[in-house]
């Protein structure tokens, strides 16, 4: 989808530098992917301490189940 964006040139240059991307499209795409991943990680982190843990659960036994 073609979209016209007015991007801060300094931010874009910094994005090129830290990401190693060479095009605006690639840099913006990577930034969006990382933004989404971080937000998803934050949601998982918010669950920390809110879930009940079953101490009798044997995760290793589940690996051998076929």
C-alpha atoms as a PDB file:
ATOM      1  CA  UNK A   1       0.000   0.000   0.000  1.00  0.00           C
ATOM      2  CA  UNK A   2       1.494   3.303  -1.038  1.00  0.00           C
ATOM      3  CA  UNK A   3       1.521   5.883   1.747  1.00  0.00           C
ATOM      4  CA  UNK A   4       3.032   9.325   1.938  1.00  0.00           C
ATOM      5  CA  UNK A   5       4.652  10.109   5.279  1.00  0.00           C
ATOM      6  CA  UNK A   6       6.421  13.167   6.552  1.00  0.00           C
ATOM      7  CA  UNK A   7       9.261  11.663   8.568  1.00  0.00           C
ATOM      8  CA  UNK A   8      11.709  13.430  10.837  1.00  0.00           C
ATOM      9  CA  UNK A   9      14.952  13.245   8.839  1.00  0.00           C
ATOM     10  CA  UNK A  10      17.138  13.026  11.952  1.00  0.00           C
ATOM     11  CA  UNK A  11      15.119  10.097  13.313  1.00  0.00           C
ATOM     12  CA  UNK A  12      15.273   8.399   9.942  1.00  0.00           C
ATOM     13  CA  UNK A  13      19.052   8.782   9.775  1.00  0.00           C
ATOM     14  CA  UNK A  14      19.377   7.328  13.280  1.00  0.00           C
ATOM     15  CA  UNK A  15      17.098   4.449  12.263  1.00  0.00           C
ATOM     16  CA  UNK A  16      19.348   3.698   9.274  1.00  0.00           C
ATOM     17  CA  UNK A  17      22.386   3.769  11.551  1.00  0.00           C
ATOM     18  CA  UNK A  18      21.083   1.445  14.258  1.00  0.00           C
ATOM     19  CA  UNK A  19      19.120  -0.929  12.027  1.00  0.00           C
ATOM     20  CA  UNK A  20      21.544  -1.296   9.153  1.00  0.00           C
ATOM     21  CA  UNK A  21      18.648  -0.882   6.726  1.00  0.00           C
ATOM     22  CA  UNK A  22      19.398   0.984   3.517  1.00  0.00           C
ATOM     23  CA  UNK A  23      15.974   2.167   2.403  1.00  0.00           C
ATOM     24  CA  UNK A  24      13.232   4.205   4.040  1.00  0.00           C
ATOM     25  CA  UNK A  25      10.723   1.442   3.435  1.00  0.00           C
ATOM     26  CA  UNK A  26      12.937  -1.183   5.067  1.00  0.00           C
ATOM     27  CA  UNK A  27      13.710   1.057   8.050  1.00  0.00           C
ATOM     28  CA  UNK A  28      10.048   1.930   8.638  1.00  0.00           C
ATOM     29  CA  UNK A  29       8.985  -1.702   8.187  1.00  0.00           C
ATOM     30  CA  UNK A  30      11.569  -2.892  10.712  1.00  0.00           C
ATOM     31  CA  UNK A  31      10.581  -0.139  13.154  1.00  0.00           C
ATOM     32  CA  UNK A  32       6.928  -1.178  12.943  1.00  0.00           C
ATOM     33  CA  UNK A  33       7.796  -4.859  13.416  1.00  0.00           C
ATOM     34  CA  UNK A  34       9.899  -4.090  16.478  1.00  0.00           C
ATOM     35  CA  UNK A  35       7.233  -1.756  17.891  1.00  0.00           C
ATOM     36  CA  UNK A  36       4.608  -4.491  17.600  1.00  0.00           C
ATOM     37  CA  UNK A  37       6.930  -7.117  19.119  1.00  0.00           C
ATOM     38  CA  UNK A  38       7.704  -4.864  22.106  1.00  0.00           C
ATOM     39  CA  UNK A  39       4.037  -4.169  22.754  1.00  0.00           C
ATOM     40  CA  UNK A  40       3.281  -7.903  22.671  1.00  0.00           C
ATOM     41  CA  UNK A  41       6.156  -8.564  25.073  1.00  0.00           C
ATOM     42  CA  UNK A  42       4.821  -5.882  27.413  1.00  0.00           C
ATOM     43  CA  UNK A  43       1.422  -7.599  27.514  1.00  0.00           C
ATOM     44  CA  UNK A  44       3.064 -10.892  28.463  1.00  0.00           C
ATOM     45  CA  UNK A  45       5.177  -9.171  31.131  1.00  0.00           C
ATOM     46  CA  UNK A  46       2.034  -7.638  32.625  1.00  0.00           C
ATOM     47  CA  UNK A  47       0.770 -11.170  33.298  1.00  0.00           C
ATOM     48  CA  UNK A  48       3.776 -11.880  35.509  1.00  0.00           C
ATOM     49  CA  UNK A  49       2.522 -12.679  38.980  1.00  0.00           C
ATOM     50  CA  UNK A  50      -1.113 -12.795  37.877  1.00  0.00           C
ATOM     51  CA  UNK A  51      -1.220 -16.426  36.805  1.00  0.00           C
ATOM     52  CA  UNK A  52      -1.398 -19.343  39.169  1.00  0.00           C
ATOM     53  CA  UNK A  53       1.452 -21.821  38.835  1.00  0.00           C
ATOM     54  CA  UNK A  54       0.831 -25.534  39.199  1.00  0.00           C
ATOM     55  CA  UNK A  55       3.857 -26.793  41.148  1.00  0.00           C
ATOM     56  CA  UNK A  56       3.066 -30.395  40.207  1.00  0.00           C
ATOM     57  CA  UNK A  57       3.277 -29.695  36.446  1.00  0.00           C
ATOM     58  CA  UNK A  58       6.188 -31.571  34.865  1.00  0.00           C
ATOM     59  CA  UNK A  59       7.141 -29.738  31.682  1.00  0.00           C
ATOM     60  CA  UNK A  60       9.849 -32.300  30.874  1.00  0.00           C
ATOM     61  CA  UNK A  61       7.290 -35.121  30.813  1.00  0.00           C
ATOM     62  CA  UNK A  62       5.317 -33.142  28.203  1.00  0.00           C
ATOM     63  CA  UNK A  63       8.331 -33.140  25.857  1.00  0.00           C
ATOM     64  CA  UNK A  64       8.281 -36.932  25.601  1.00  0.00           C
ATOM     65  CA  UNK A  65       4.540 -37.175  24.932  1.00  0.00           C
ATOM     66  CA  UNK A  66       3.688 -38.427  21.452  1.00  0.00           C
END
